[in-house]
Amino acid sequence: MLTPIFPTVLPTSSAGSSGVPRTSSTARSAATPLAGPGLPGDRPELREALNPSVSIIIDTIRDALDEVPPEVIADLMDTGICLAGGGALLQGLADRLADELNLRVWQAEDPLTCVVRGTGVILSDFDVMRGYLVSLERGSTRHR
């Protein structure tokens, strides 16, 4: 389903009966904001502009992988890394991460809303779900 969230308005060569140039708009899908009519998803200048940020993401994931216990690495080897949020929609990001990290990388179903929906699940039964949460404090993932 296409949602006209970022319409592209282009004047045409002919004027309408009112003398005002005709315009057309092309809707892009909210699920694929960097692809679709009006905006090619594989533009070299876009890829070049995002490359430094993607490299930082890759380096950060590598640093995090160096610090996790072996059993977590084993789980990651089995299930992979799930991309969520708007960044998950960047074309080729999952493939590049998979190539660079030698792990399976996949996109969450409906990545734009999955974090909010997951937060809702946690908050709906916080006392039970509290055990699945971790703190931002170093060493907080160790069970007491």
N, C-alpha and C. Protein backbone atom coordinates (compact mmCIF):
# COMPACT_ATOMS: atom_id res chain seq x y z
N MET A 1 0.84 -1.17 0.00
CA MET A 1 0.00 0.00 0.00
C MET A 1 0.89 1.24 0.00
N LEU A 2 0.66 2.14 -0.91
CA LEU A 2 1.44 3.37 -0.99
C LEU A 2 0.80 4.46 -0.14
N THR A 3 1.63 5.11 0.62
CA THR A 3 1.17 6.21 1.46
C THR A 3 1.84 7.48 0.98
N PRO A 4 1.08 8.51 0.61
CA PRO A 4 1.70 9.73 0.08
C PRO A 4 2.29 10.60 1.19
N ILE A 5 3.36 10.09 1.81
CA ILE A 5 3.96 10.86 2.88
C ILE A 5 5.01 11.84 2.40
N PHE A 6 5.63 11.57 1.27
CA PHE A 6 6.61 12.45 0.70
C PHE A 6 6.30 12.64 -0.78
N PRO A 7 5.28 13.43 -1.11
CA PRO A 7 4.94 13.56 -2.52
C PRO A 7 6.01 14.34 -3.27
N THR A 8 6.20 13.94 -4.52
CA THR A 8 7.11 14.64 -5.40
C THR A 8 6.25 15.40 -6.39
N VAL A 9 6.36 16.70 -6.40
CA VAL A 9 5.53 17.51 -7.28
C VAL A 9 6.40 18.00 -8.42
N LEU A 10 6.01 17.64 -9.63
CA LEU A 10 6.76 18.00 -10.82
C LEU A 10 5.87 18.75 -11.79
N PRO A 11 6.26 19.96 -12.21
CA PRO A 11 5.45 20.66 -13.20
C PRO A 11 5.55 19.95 -14.55
N THR A 12 4.44 19.89 -15.24
CA THR A 12 4.44 19.29 -16.57
C THR A 12 4.58 20.41 -17.60
N SER A 13 4.76 20.02 -18.84
CA SER A 13 5.00 21.02 -19.88
C SER A 13 3.73 21.75 -20.30
N SER A 14 2.58 21.18 -19.99
CA SER A 14 1.34 21.84 -20.42
C SER A 14 0.63 22.48 -19.24
N ALA A 15 -0.08 23.54 -19.51
CA ALA A 15 -0.84 24.22 -18.47
C ALA A 15 -2.27 23.71 -18.48
N GLY A 16 -2.87 23.73 -17.32
CA GLY A 16 -4.26 23.34 -17.23
C GLY A 16 -5.15 24.44 -17.78
N SER A 17 -6.47 24.24 -17.74
CA SER A 17 -7.40 25.22 -18.29
C SER A 17 -7.32 26.55 -17.55
N SER A 18 -6.84 26.54 -16.31
CA SER A 18 -6.73 27.79 -15.54
C SER A 18 -5.43 28.53 -15.84
N GLY A 19 -4.57 27.94 -16.67
CA GLY A 19 -3.29 28.56 -16.98
C GLY A 19 -2.20 28.21 -15.98
N VAL A 20 -2.56 27.46 -14.90
CA VAL A 20 -1.59 27.04 -13.89
C VAL A 20 -0.97 25.73 -14.36
N PRO A 21 0.36 25.60 -14.28
CA PRO A 21 0.98 24.35 -14.70
C PRO A 21 0.43 23.16 -13.93
N ARG A 22 0.25 22.06 -14.63
CA ARG A 22 -0.22 20.84 -14.00
C ARG A 22 0.92 20.23 -13.20
N THR A 23 0.57 19.61 -12.11
CA THR A 23 1.57 18.91 -11.31
C THR A 23 1.14 17.48 -11.12
N SER A 24 2.10 16.65 -10.83
CA SER A 24 1.78 15.27 -10.51
C SER A 24 2.54 14.92 -9.24
N SER A 25 2.00 14.01 -8.48
CA SER A 25 2.71 13.58 -7.28
C SER A 25 2.87 12.08 -7.32
N THR A 26 3.98 11.64 -6.78
CA THR A 26 4.28 10.22 -6.71
C THR A 26 4.44 9.86 -5.25
N ALA A 27 3.67 8.89 -4.79
CA ALA A 27 3.76 8.49 -3.40
C ALA A 27 4.80 7.40 -3.24
N ARG A 28 5.50 7.48 -2.13
CA ARG A 28 6.43 6.42 -1.79
C ARG A 28 5.85 5.63 -0.64
N SER A 29 6.13 4.37 -0.63
CA SER A 29 5.65 3.53 0.44
C SER A 29 6.38 3.87 1.73
N ALA A 30 5.67 3.92 2.83
CA ALA A 30 6.32 4.16 4.12
C ALA A 30 7.24 3.00 4.48
N ALA A 31 6.98 1.83 3.91
CA ALA A 31 7.81 0.67 4.21
C ALA A 31 9.11 0.68 3.43
N THR A 32 9.19 1.43 2.34
CA THR A 32 10.42 1.50 1.56
C THR A 32 10.68 2.95 1.18
N PRO A 33 11.04 3.80 2.15
CA PRO A 33 11.16 5.22 1.87
C PRO A 33 12.29 5.58 0.92
N LEU A 34 13.26 4.71 0.73
CA LEU A 34 14.36 5.03 -0.16
C LEU A 34 14.23 4.34 -1.50
N ALA A 35 13.05 3.86 -1.80
CA ALA A 35 12.81 3.21 -3.09
C ALA A 35 11.42 3.59 -3.56
N GLY A 36 11.15 3.29 -4.80
CA GLY A 36 9.83 3.54 -5.35
C GLY A 36 9.88 4.62 -6.40
N PRO A 37 8.77 4.86 -7.03
CA PRO A 37 8.72 5.87 -8.08
C PRO A 37 9.12 7.23 -7.54
N GLY A 38 9.93 7.94 -8.27
CA GLY A 38 10.32 9.28 -7.88
C GLY A 38 11.63 9.35 -7.13
N LEU A 39 12.10 8.25 -6.55
CA LEU A 39 13.36 8.27 -5.83
C LEU A 39 14.02 6.91 -5.93
N PRO A 40 15.00 6.76 -6.82
CA PRO A 40 15.67 5.47 -6.94
C PRO A 40 16.34 5.08 -5.63
N GLY A 41 16.25 3.81 -5.27
CA GLY A 41 16.81 3.34 -4.01
C GLY A 41 18.30 3.11 -4.05
N ASP A 42 18.87 2.98 -5.23
CA ASP A 42 20.30 2.67 -5.31
C ASP A 42 21.02 3.82 -5.99
N ARG A 43 21.12 4.93 -5.30
CA ARG A 43 21.79 6.10 -5.86
C ARG A 43 23.19 6.18 -5.29
N PRO A 44 24.21 6.26 -6.14
CA PRO A 44 25.59 6.28 -5.66
C PRO A 44 25.88 7.42 -4.68
N GLU A 45 25.32 8.61 -4.92
CA GLU A 45 25.60 9.73 -4.02
C GLU A 45 24.98 9.50 -2.64
N LEU A 46 23.84 8.84 -2.59
CA LEU A 46 23.21 8.52 -1.31
C LEU A 46 24.05 7.49 -0.57
N ARG A 47 24.48 6.48 -1.28
CA ARG A 47 25.32 5.44 -0.68
C ARG A 47 26.63 6.04 -0.14
N GLU A 48 27.23 6.93 -0.92
CA GLU A 48 28.48 7.57 -0.51
C GLU A 48 28.27 8.44 0.73
N ALA A 49 27.16 9.15 0.79
CA ALA A 49 26.88 10.01 1.94
C ALA A 49 26.64 9.20 3.21
N LEU A 50 26.03 8.04 3.08
CA LEU A 50 25.72 7.22 4.25
C LEU A 50 26.87 6.32 4.68
N ASN A 51 27.85 6.12 3.82
CA ASN A 51 28.93 5.18 4.10
C ASN A 51 29.66 5.44 5.42
N PRO A 52 30.04 6.68 5.76
CA PRO A 52 30.71 6.88 7.06
C PRO A 52 29.83 6.46 8.26
N SER A 53 28.55 6.75 8.20
CA SER A 53 27.66 6.37 9.29
C SER A 53 27.51 4.86 9.39
N VAL A 54 27.39 4.20 8.25
CA VAL A 54 27.26 2.74 8.24
C VAL A 54 28.55 2.11 8.77
N SER A 55 29.69 2.67 8.43
CA SER A 55 30.97 2.16 8.94
C SER A 55 31.04 2.28 10.46
N ILE A 56 30.53 3.38 11.00
CA ILE A 56 30.50 3.55 12.46
C ILE A 56 29.59 2.51 13.09
N ILE A 57 28.45 2.25 12.47
CA ILE A 57 27.53 1.21 12.97
C ILE A 57 28.23 -0.13 13.00
N ILE A 58 28.93 -0.46 11.92
CA ILE A 58 29.63 -1.75 11.84
C ILE A 58 30.71 -1.85 12.92
N ASP A 59 31.50 -0.79 13.09
CA ASP A 59 32.55 -0.80 14.12
C ASP A 59 31.95 -0.93 15.52
N THR A 60 30.83 -0.26 15.76
CA THR A 60 30.18 -0.33 17.07
C THR A 60 29.66 -1.73 17.35
N ILE A 61 29.07 -2.36 16.34
CA ILE A 61 28.60 -3.74 16.52
C ILE A 61 29.77 -4.67 16.79
N ARG A 62 30.86 -4.49 16.06
CA ARG A 62 32.07 -5.33 16.30
C ARG A 62 32.56 -5.15 17.74
N ASP A 63 32.62 -3.91 18.21
CA ASP A 63 33.06 -3.66 19.59
C ASP A 63 32.14 -4.34 20.59
N ALA A 64 30.83 -4.27 20.34
CA ALA A 64 29.86 -4.90 21.24
C ALA A 64 30.03 -6.42 21.21
N LEU A 65 30.27 -6.99 20.04
CA LEU A 65 30.44 -8.44 19.93
C LEU A 65 31.69 -8.91 20.67
N ASP A 66 32.69 -8.05 20.75
CA ASP A 66 33.91 -8.41 21.49
C ASP A 66 33.68 -8.52 22.99
N GLU A 67 32.62 -7.89 23.48
CA GLU A 67 32.37 -7.85 24.92
C GLU A 67 31.29 -8.82 25.40
N VAL A 68 30.56 -9.45 24.50
CA VAL A 68 29.46 -10.32 24.94
C VAL A 68 29.98 -11.72 25.25
N PRO A 69 29.30 -12.41 26.15
CA PRO A 69 29.71 -13.77 26.52
C PRO A 69 29.55 -14.74 25.33
N PRO A 70 30.30 -15.83 25.35
CA PRO A 70 30.25 -16.80 24.24
C PRO A 70 28.86 -17.36 23.95
N GLU A 71 28.03 -17.53 24.98
CA GLU A 71 26.69 -18.08 24.75
C GLU A 71 25.82 -17.12 23.94
N VAL A 72 26.06 -15.82 24.10
CA VAL A 72 25.32 -14.83 23.31
C VAL A 72 25.80 -14.88 21.86
N ILE A 73 27.09 -15.03 21.66
CA ILE A 73 27.63 -15.17 20.30
C ILE A 73 27.03 -16.40 19.64
N ALA A 74 26.91 -17.48 20.39
CA ALA A 74 26.31 -18.70 19.84
C ALA A 74 24.86 -18.44 19.41
N ASP A 75 24.12 -17.70 20.23
CA ASP A 75 22.74 -17.35 19.87
C ASP A 75 22.71 -16.49 18.62
N LEU A 76 23.63 -15.52 18.54
CA LEU A 76 23.68 -14.66 17.36
C LEU A 76 24.02 -15.45 16.10
N MET A 77 24.87 -16.44 16.24
CA MET A 77 25.22 -17.28 15.08
C MET A 77 23.98 -18.05 14.60
N ASP A 78 23.12 -18.43 15.55
CA ASP A 78 21.90 -19.17 15.19
C ASP A 78 20.81 -18.26 14.64
N THR A 79 20.53 -17.17 15.36
CA THR A 79 19.38 -16.34 14.99
C THR A 79 19.74 -15.11 14.18
N GLY A 80 20.95 -14.61 14.34
CA GLY A 80 21.37 -13.42 13.61
C GLY A 80 21.01 -12.14 14.33
N ILE A 81 21.20 -11.05 13.62
CA ILE A 81 20.91 -9.72 14.14
C ILE A 81 19.66 -9.20 13.43
N CYS A 82 18.72 -8.71 14.22
CA CYS A 82 17.49 -8.17 13.66
C CYS A 82 17.58 -6.65 13.60
N LEU A 83 17.35 -6.09 12.43
CA LEU A 83 17.36 -4.63 12.25
C LEU A 83 15.95 -4.09 12.47
N ALA A 84 15.84 -3.04 13.27
CA ALA A 84 14.55 -2.42 13.55
C ALA A 84 14.69 -0.91 13.40
N GLY A 85 13.57 -0.24 13.22
CA GLY A 85 13.57 1.21 13.08
C GLY A 85 13.74 1.63 11.64
N GLY A 86 13.74 2.92 11.42
CA GLY A 86 13.82 3.45 10.06
C GLY A 86 15.10 3.09 9.34
N GLY A 87 16.22 2.99 10.07
CA GLY A 87 17.48 2.63 9.43
C GLY A 87 17.46 1.25 8.81
N ALA A 88 16.60 0.37 9.34
CA ALA A 88 16.49 -0.98 8.79
C ALA A 88 15.98 -0.95 7.35
N LEU A 89 15.35 0.14 6.96
CA LEU A 89 14.78 0.24 5.62
C LEU A 89 15.79 0.67 4.56
N LEU A 90 16.99 1.01 4.97
CA LEU A 90 18.00 1.39 4.00
C LEU A 90 18.35 0.19 3.12
N GLN A 91 18.18 0.36 1.84
CA GLN A 91 18.45 -0.73 0.93
C GLN A 91 19.90 -1.16 1.02
N GLY A 92 20.12 -2.46 1.16
CA GLY A 92 21.46 -3.02 1.18
C GLY A 92 22.13 -3.02 2.54
N LEU A 93 21.51 -2.39 3.56
CA LEU A 93 22.14 -2.34 4.87
C LEU A 93 22.29 -3.74 5.47
N ALA A 94 21.24 -4.53 5.43
CA ALA A 94 21.31 -5.89 5.99
C ALA A 94 22.38 -6.71 5.28
N ASP A 95 22.46 -6.60 3.97
CA ASP A 95 23.47 -7.35 3.21
C ASP A 95 24.88 -6.90 3.58
N ARG A 96 25.08 -5.60 3.70
CA ARG A 96 26.42 -5.10 4.04
C ARG A 96 26.82 -5.52 5.44
N LEU A 97 25.91 -5.43 6.40
CA LEU A 97 26.22 -5.86 7.75
C LEU A 97 26.53 -7.35 7.79
N ALA A 98 25.75 -8.13 7.07
CA ALA A 98 25.98 -9.58 7.03
C ALA A 98 27.36 -9.88 6.45
N ASP A 99 27.74 -9.19 5.38
CA ASP A 99 29.05 -9.40 4.76
C ASP A 99 30.18 -9.00 5.70
N GLU A 100 30.03 -7.86 6.34
CA GLU A 100 31.11 -7.33 7.19
C GLU A 100 31.25 -8.09 8.51
N LEU A 101 30.13 -8.58 9.05
CA LEU A 101 30.15 -9.20 10.37
C LEU A 101 30.13 -10.72 10.32
N ASN A 102 29.92 -11.28 9.15
CA ASN A 102 29.81 -12.74 8.99
C ASN A 102 28.72 -13.32 9.89
N LEU A 103 27.61 -12.62 9.95
CA LEU A 103 26.44 -13.06 10.70
C LEU A 103 25.21 -12.89 9.81
N ARG A 104 24.17 -13.64 10.13
CA ARG A 104 22.90 -13.45 9.45
C ARG A 104 22.31 -12.14 9.97
N VAL A 105 21.87 -11.28 9.07
CA VAL A 105 21.24 -10.01 9.46
C VAL A 105 19.92 -9.94 8.71
N TRP A 106 18.86 -9.67 9.44
CA TRP A 106 17.54 -9.64 8.84
C TRP A 106 16.75 -8.45 9.35
N GLN A 107 15.75 -8.10 8.59
CA GLN A 107 14.91 -6.94 8.89
C GLN A 107 13.66 -7.40 9.65
N ALA A 108 13.33 -6.69 10.71
CA ALA A 108 12.13 -7.00 11.48
C ALA A 108 10.89 -6.80 10.61
N GLU A 109 9.88 -7.57 10.92
CA GLU A 109 8.60 -7.34 10.26
C GLU A 109 8.09 -6.00 10.75
N ASP A 110 7.73 -5.13 9.84
CA ASP A 110 7.27 -3.78 10.15
C ASP A 110 8.26 -3.06 11.06
N PRO A 111 9.47 -2.80 10.56
CA PRO A 111 10.52 -2.23 11.41
C PRO A 111 10.22 -0.84 11.96
N LEU A 112 9.32 -0.10 11.34
CA LEU A 112 9.01 1.24 11.83
C LEU A 112 8.21 1.23 13.13
N THR A 113 7.46 0.18 13.38
CA THR A 113 6.63 0.16 14.58
C THR A 113 6.97 -0.96 15.55
N CYS A 114 7.88 -1.85 15.21
CA CYS A 114 8.12 -3.02 16.06
C CYS A 114 8.68 -2.64 17.44
N VAL A 115 9.49 -1.61 17.52
CA VAL A 115 10.05 -1.21 18.82
C VAL A 115 8.93 -0.68 19.72
N VAL A 116 8.06 0.12 19.18
CA VAL A 116 6.95 0.67 19.96
C VAL A 116 6.01 -0.45 20.40
N ARG A 117 5.72 -1.37 19.48
CA ARG A 117 4.84 -2.49 19.85
C ARG A 117 5.48 -3.36 20.93
N GLY A 118 6.80 -3.60 20.83
CA GLY A 118 7.51 -4.38 21.86
C GLY A 118 7.50 -3.68 23.20
N THR A 119 7.67 -2.37 23.18
CA THR A 119 7.61 -1.59 24.41
C THR A 119 6.23 -1.71 25.04
N GLY A 120 5.20 -1.70 24.21
CA GLY A 120 3.84 -1.87 24.72
C GLY A 120 3.65 -3.21 25.40
N VAL A 121 4.23 -4.25 24.83
CA VAL A 121 4.14 -5.59 25.44
C VAL A 121 4.82 -5.59 26.80
N ILE A 122 6.01 -4.99 26.87
CA ILE A 122 6.74 -4.92 28.15
C ILE A 122 5.92 -4.15 29.19
N LEU A 123 5.41 -2.99 28.80
CA LEU A 123 4.69 -2.15 29.75
C LEU A 123 3.35 -2.75 30.16
N SER A 124 2.76 -3.58 29.31
CA SER A 124 1.45 -4.16 29.65
C SER A 124 1.55 -5.14 30.82
N ASP A 125 2.72 -5.75 31.02
CA ASP A 125 2.92 -6.67 32.15
C ASP A 125 4.34 -6.49 32.68
N PHE A 126 4.61 -5.28 33.15
CA PHE A 126 5.97 -4.89 33.51
C PHE A 126 6.58 -5.79 34.59
N ASP A 127 5.80 -6.18 35.59
CA ASP A 127 6.35 -6.98 36.69
C ASP A 127 6.89 -8.31 36.17
N VAL A 128 6.20 -8.93 35.23
CA VAL A 128 6.65 -10.20 34.67
C VAL A 128 7.81 -9.98 33.69
N MET A 129 7.72 -8.95 32.88
CA MET A 129 8.70 -8.71 31.83
C MET A 129 9.99 -8.04 32.34
N ARG A 130 9.97 -7.52 33.54
CA ARG A 130 11.13 -6.83 34.09
C ARG A 130 12.41 -7.67 33.99
N GLY A 131 12.30 -8.96 34.13
CA GLY A 131 13.46 -9.85 34.08
C GLY A 131 14.13 -9.90 32.72
N TYR A 132 13.44 -9.48 31.68
CA TYR A 132 14.01 -9.49 30.34
C TYR A 132 14.74 -8.19 29.99
N LEU A 133 14.63 -7.21 30.85
CA LEU A 133 15.23 -5.91 30.58
C LEU A 133 16.64 -5.85 31.16
N VAL A 134 17.47 -5.04 30.54
CA VAL A 134 18.82 -4.82 31.04
C VAL A 134 19.01 -3.32 31.28
N SER A 135 19.90 -3.02 32.18
CA SER A 135 20.22 -1.63 32.49
C SER A 135 21.34 -1.16 31.57
N LEU A 136 21.53 0.13 31.51
CA LEU A 136 22.64 0.67 30.73
C LEU A 136 23.95 0.64 31.51
N GLU A 137 23.89 0.22 32.78
CA GLU A 137 25.10 0.14 33.59
C GLU A 137 25.94 -1.05 33.15
N ARG A 138 27.24 -0.88 33.11
CA ARG A 138 28.17 -1.93 32.72
C ARG A 138 28.01 -3.13 33.66
N GLY A 139 27.91 -4.32 33.10
CA GLY A 139 27.78 -5.53 33.89
C GLY A 139 26.37 -5.83 34.33
N SER A 140 25.41 -5.04 33.88
CA SER A 140 24.02 -5.20 34.35
C SER A 140 23.35 -6.44 33.77
N THR A 141 23.97 -7.08 32.79
CA THR A 141 23.33 -8.26 32.18
C THR A 141 23.64 -9.52 32.97
N ARG A 142 24.50 -9.43 33.97
CA ARG A 142 24.81 -10.60 34.79
C ARG A 142 23.63 -10.87 35.71
N HIS A 143 23.23 -12.13 35.78
CA HIS A 143 22.11 -12.48 36.65
C HIS A 143 22.61 -12.57 38.09
N ARG A 144 21.81 -12.08 38.98
CA ARG A 144 22.19 -12.06 40.40
C ARG A 144 21.59 -13.23 41.12
